Every structure is written in structure tokens, then in C-alpha cells.
Amino acid sequence: MHMSDTLISPAVAVATSIVAAALVVVATRKIGRENSRATTHLVPLMGVMGALVFAAQMLNFAIPATGSSGHIVGGVLLAAVLGEWAGFLTLTSVIIVQCLLFADGGLMTLGCNVLNMAALSCLVAYPLIFKPLIHNHNSPSRWAAASIATSITALAMGALAVTIETELSGITALPYGRFLSFMLPIHLLIGIGEGLATAAVIASLRRYRPDLLFDSTEPTARPRTQFIAITVVAALLVASVAGTVASSRPDGLEWSIERTTAGVEIAESQSPLHHRAARIQRTTALLPDYEASMAGLVGVGATLAVGYGLSLLIRRR
């Protein structure tokens, strides 16, 4: 669901960037000032969980009978482990690394991508759907249903947000109704896949390390350094094989655009802001489109580094 710069106008880019930046500021303040766990175990987990989600997002899975593919967003999982604000900030760091280092998503659309994926999943779907569904419930089936329902809703809201942003940007090649008729169904299917994956991971944590879930009252069973080390190794392993096992089909957004436009490419905007953003991204994107075999490993390392930087910022708060 990573939008490219051709899909939005400068006005929409500026507006969404301001909102996204404001949410990042709020998140850092809330985590650092209101959460006493930030300096104990939450902040270290943010970096490794971000690295794991970065690696997992490289694993595009085919959507049967559609010709499309999808990947997990990871927002619901991050919020379940880290809480909504830390989950949002962690997923935002992943999206920033993808944009700047790999040109996965445009620089102008960075605000859109943060809102569509990180904010809607962590700050909207998780507190409004997941938390009420599991409140005072220990049933594994209840938790699984909450994971699936929340993931589907988050992906559907993200798809709707993309179509609204392109409509507000005046992208005439993507008429709102027709574009939405492709975006919504395909992302509902992707949401099912994400929900199943999220449910499986959360079920494993509830069984073996319930103390790691954000709202858990369970005492710490084993040192969290063990979990951190295992998660880093898992992220590196997933990243190392992602390029060979991931589906090569277009993702849900690309698939929807192709069908909406009947394969006709959307004309690139000639605005000064579009040109400036493109120049900057060409400079920062050392591995565009994950073209190198080691791209996944580099991305995991970069995400860990960004997570460490965020930890320093949060601790100063």
C-alpha cells in the first residue's frame, strides 16, 4: 500500500505530512513521559520488532484467483506488543527506512503512507476494535478473532484513505468509485492474510511469553534479552530469503491501479515539489526497489539503527 508521488498533489502531500509529523511528536512525548516502561523494556523492543516487521513486509504472498499479491503491514501486531503509540512510532520508522533507503513509497507521499498504514492500524483500529474485543477475555479463539477483525478493518481503512487522497489530489485517471471498487475488495483479502499471521504470532506469545504483550499483567518469565536476540535472528533470516520466496505479482495498490486505468500509466506531475522530492529520493535511495541481494539485511540493520535513534530521543523526553 506504499503510494508513489504520482498519486497525490502538493497540497495533499503537505497536509498529510503535517498531520503525520504532529502524530510522531505526540507519540514520542507520550511514550517518554507517560509510560514508565519506556526505559525498561519497551524501547529496546521497538527496534527489534520494527526490524522483524520490515523483514516480514518483504514477503509478498499471492492472493489466489486475483493475479495480485499482498504483504503484512504489521501495525496490529506492533500495537499488541508495544502499545498503540509505540507501535505507531515503530511502524513509522519502518516506512521511513523503506522510503529513503529503498524508494519504496514516494517522499511526498511519506505522510500519506504513515497515516494510511501506521496511524490507522495502531491508533484507530487497534484501540477501537482489538482492545474492546479482548477486554476481560482469555479465550484463544476470541484473541484470534480480534486479530483477524482488526487487521481486516485496518487494511480496509487504509485502502479507503488511499482513494480519498487520490480523489482530493485530482488524479483523474483514478475515478473514486472505480478505484475504490478494486482497492477495497483486494485489501479485504490481504487483511485476512495479515489477520491470520497476526493471530498466529500473538497466540505464540500468549502461550510462551505472555509477559511481552503490552497490557499483560504476567510477571517476566525470562530475560527479554533472549527474546530480543531471537527476534533479531528471525528478522535476518526472513530478510535473507524474502527475495527468493516472495510473490512477484503486483501488490494490491499496483493491481488496483492497473485495472482502474486499464494499464495506462498515470502521467507524472510537473510541479516543483514533485521534482524536488524526486531528486532528494534519488540521492537517499542507495538500493532502489531492493535491487541488491543484501537489500533485506541492510534494511533490517537500518531499521535497528533508526530504532536505536528513537530510543535516545524518547529517553531524553
Foldseek 3Di string as FASTA:
>chain_A
DFAAPQLFALVLLVVLVVVQVVLLVVLLCCLQPVPPCLVPPQLLVLLLLLLQQLLQQLFWDDDPPQLATGTALCLLLLCQQRNLSSSLNSSLLLLVLCCQAAVRHFPSCSSLVSCLRRCLLRVNLNVVQLCVQCVVHDDLVSNLVSLLVSLLVSLQSSLLSSLVRSVVRVQVLFPSVLLNVQRRVQSSSVSNVNSNVSSVVVVVCVVPPVVSTDPDPDPGDDDCVVVSVVSLVSSQVSLLCSVPNHDPGHHSNVSSSCVSNVNDDRDGDPDPVSVVRVVSSVVRHPHYPVPDSCSSVVSSVSSSVVSVVSSVSSNVD
